[in-house]
Amino acid sequence: MAFPLSVAVVAAGLVVSAPSPDGAGTLVLRVAGDCSAAAAQVVEQTGGQLLSVQPVGDSCIITVLVSGNGQRPRKVTVKVPM
């Protein structure tokens, strides 16, 4: 499940990539409202698959697809404060 969470970071609003200030050659990603931790928590709590993440104001809107017992998966949207 690591791949969908990396997508969540990009979907959270990538602003710019820049070299780290320490000059060690590492890459720093700056995001507008980091919702990755909130997305990971919702995925863990629901047991679902991450569909989308959107920072909105001071909250994160997270949508997951949750499988049922032999039924169609249902889409669950959760609003989590940042």
Protein backbone atom coordinates (compact mmCIF):
# COMPACT_ATOMS: atom_id res chain seq x y z
CA MET A 1 0.00 0.00 0.00
CA ALA A 2 3.02 2.32 -0.04
CA PHE A 3 2.38 3.33 -3.66
CA PRO A 4 -1.10 4.85 -3.08
CA LEU A 5 0.22 6.89 -0.16
CA SER A 6 2.99 8.36 -2.29
CA VAL A 7 0.28 9.32 -4.78
CA ALA A 8 -1.54 10.95 -1.87
CA VAL A 9 1.41 13.18 -1.18
CA VAL A 10 1.48 14.35 -4.80
CA ALA A 11 -2.31 14.72 -4.86
CA ALA A 12 -2.13 16.78 -1.67
CA GLY A 13 -0.89 19.71 -3.74
CA LEU A 14 2.72 19.57 -4.84
CA VAL A 15 4.03 23.11 -5.02
CA VAL A 16 7.75 22.87 -5.75
CA SER A 17 10.72 20.52 -5.47
CA ALA A 18 13.96 22.01 -4.23
CA PRO A 19 17.34 20.82 -2.97
CA SER A 20 17.57 20.49 0.79
CA PRO A 21 19.20 23.42 2.62
CA ASP A 22 21.91 21.17 4.11
CA GLY A 23 23.31 20.52 0.62
CA ALA A 24 23.40 16.74 1.13
CA GLY A 25 21.81 16.19 -2.27
CA THR A 26 18.47 15.01 -0.87
CA LEU A 27 15.23 16.17 -2.40
CA VAL A 28 12.69 18.14 -0.36
CA LEU A 29 9.05 18.19 -1.45
CA ARG A 30 6.98 21.11 -0.34
CA VAL A 31 3.26 20.48 -0.32
CA ALA A 32 0.36 22.79 0.29
CA GLY A 33 -1.26 21.18 3.31
CA ASP A 34 0.28 17.78 3.94
CA CYS A 35 -2.57 15.28 4.18
CA SER A 36 -0.45 12.13 3.88
CA ALA A 37 -0.60 11.23 7.60
CA ALA A 38 -4.37 11.78 7.69
CA ALA A 39 -4.78 9.66 4.54
CA ALA A 40 -2.71 6.85 6.04
CA GLN A 41 -4.85 6.94 9.19
CA VAL A 42 -8.14 6.78 7.26
CA VAL A 43 -6.88 3.91 5.08
CA GLU A 44 -5.78 2.01 8.20
CA GLN A 45 -9.06 2.62 10.05
CA THR A 46 -11.33 1.68 7.15
CA GLY A 47 -9.21 -1.06 5.60
CA GLY A 48 -9.98 0.61 2.28
CA GLN A 49 -8.02 1.62 -0.78
CA LEU A 50 -7.08 5.28 -1.18
CA LEU A 51 -8.83 7.01 -4.10
CA SER A 52 -8.14 10.71 -3.53
CA VAL A 53 -6.85 13.32 -1.10
CA GLN A 54 -7.58 17.05 -1.22
CA PRO A 55 -6.44 19.76 1.17
CA VAL A 56 -9.33 22.19 1.69
CA GLY A 57 -8.67 25.10 4.01
CA ASP A 58 -7.48 23.61 7.30
CA SER A 59 -8.87 20.12 6.54
CA CYS A 60 -8.17 17.14 4.32
CA ILE A 61 -10.92 15.50 2.27
CA ILE A 62 -9.99 11.81 1.92
CA THR A 63 -11.90 9.34 -0.22
CA VAL A 64 -11.37 5.58 0.09
CA LEU A 65 -12.95 2.54 -1.51
CA VAL A 66 -14.05 0.01 1.13
CA SER A 67 -14.77 -3.58 0.13
CA GLY A 68 -17.83 -5.31 1.55
CA ASN A 69 -18.44 -8.99 2.23
CA GLY A 70 -19.06 -10.19 -1.32
CA GLN A 71 -20.82 -6.93 -2.19
CA ARG A 72 -19.82 -3.97 -4.32
CA PRO A 73 -17.17 -1.77 -2.70
CA ARG A 74 -18.51 1.49 -1.33
CA LYS A 75 -16.92 4.91 -1.57
CA VAL A 76 -16.34 6.59 1.81
CA THR A 77 -15.34 10.26 2.09
CA VAL A 78 -13.92 11.58 5.37
CA LYS A 79 -13.05 15.15 6.36
CA VAL A 80 -10.07 15.29 8.75
CA PRO A 81 -8.65 18.46 10.32
CA MET A 82 -4.94 19.11 9.51
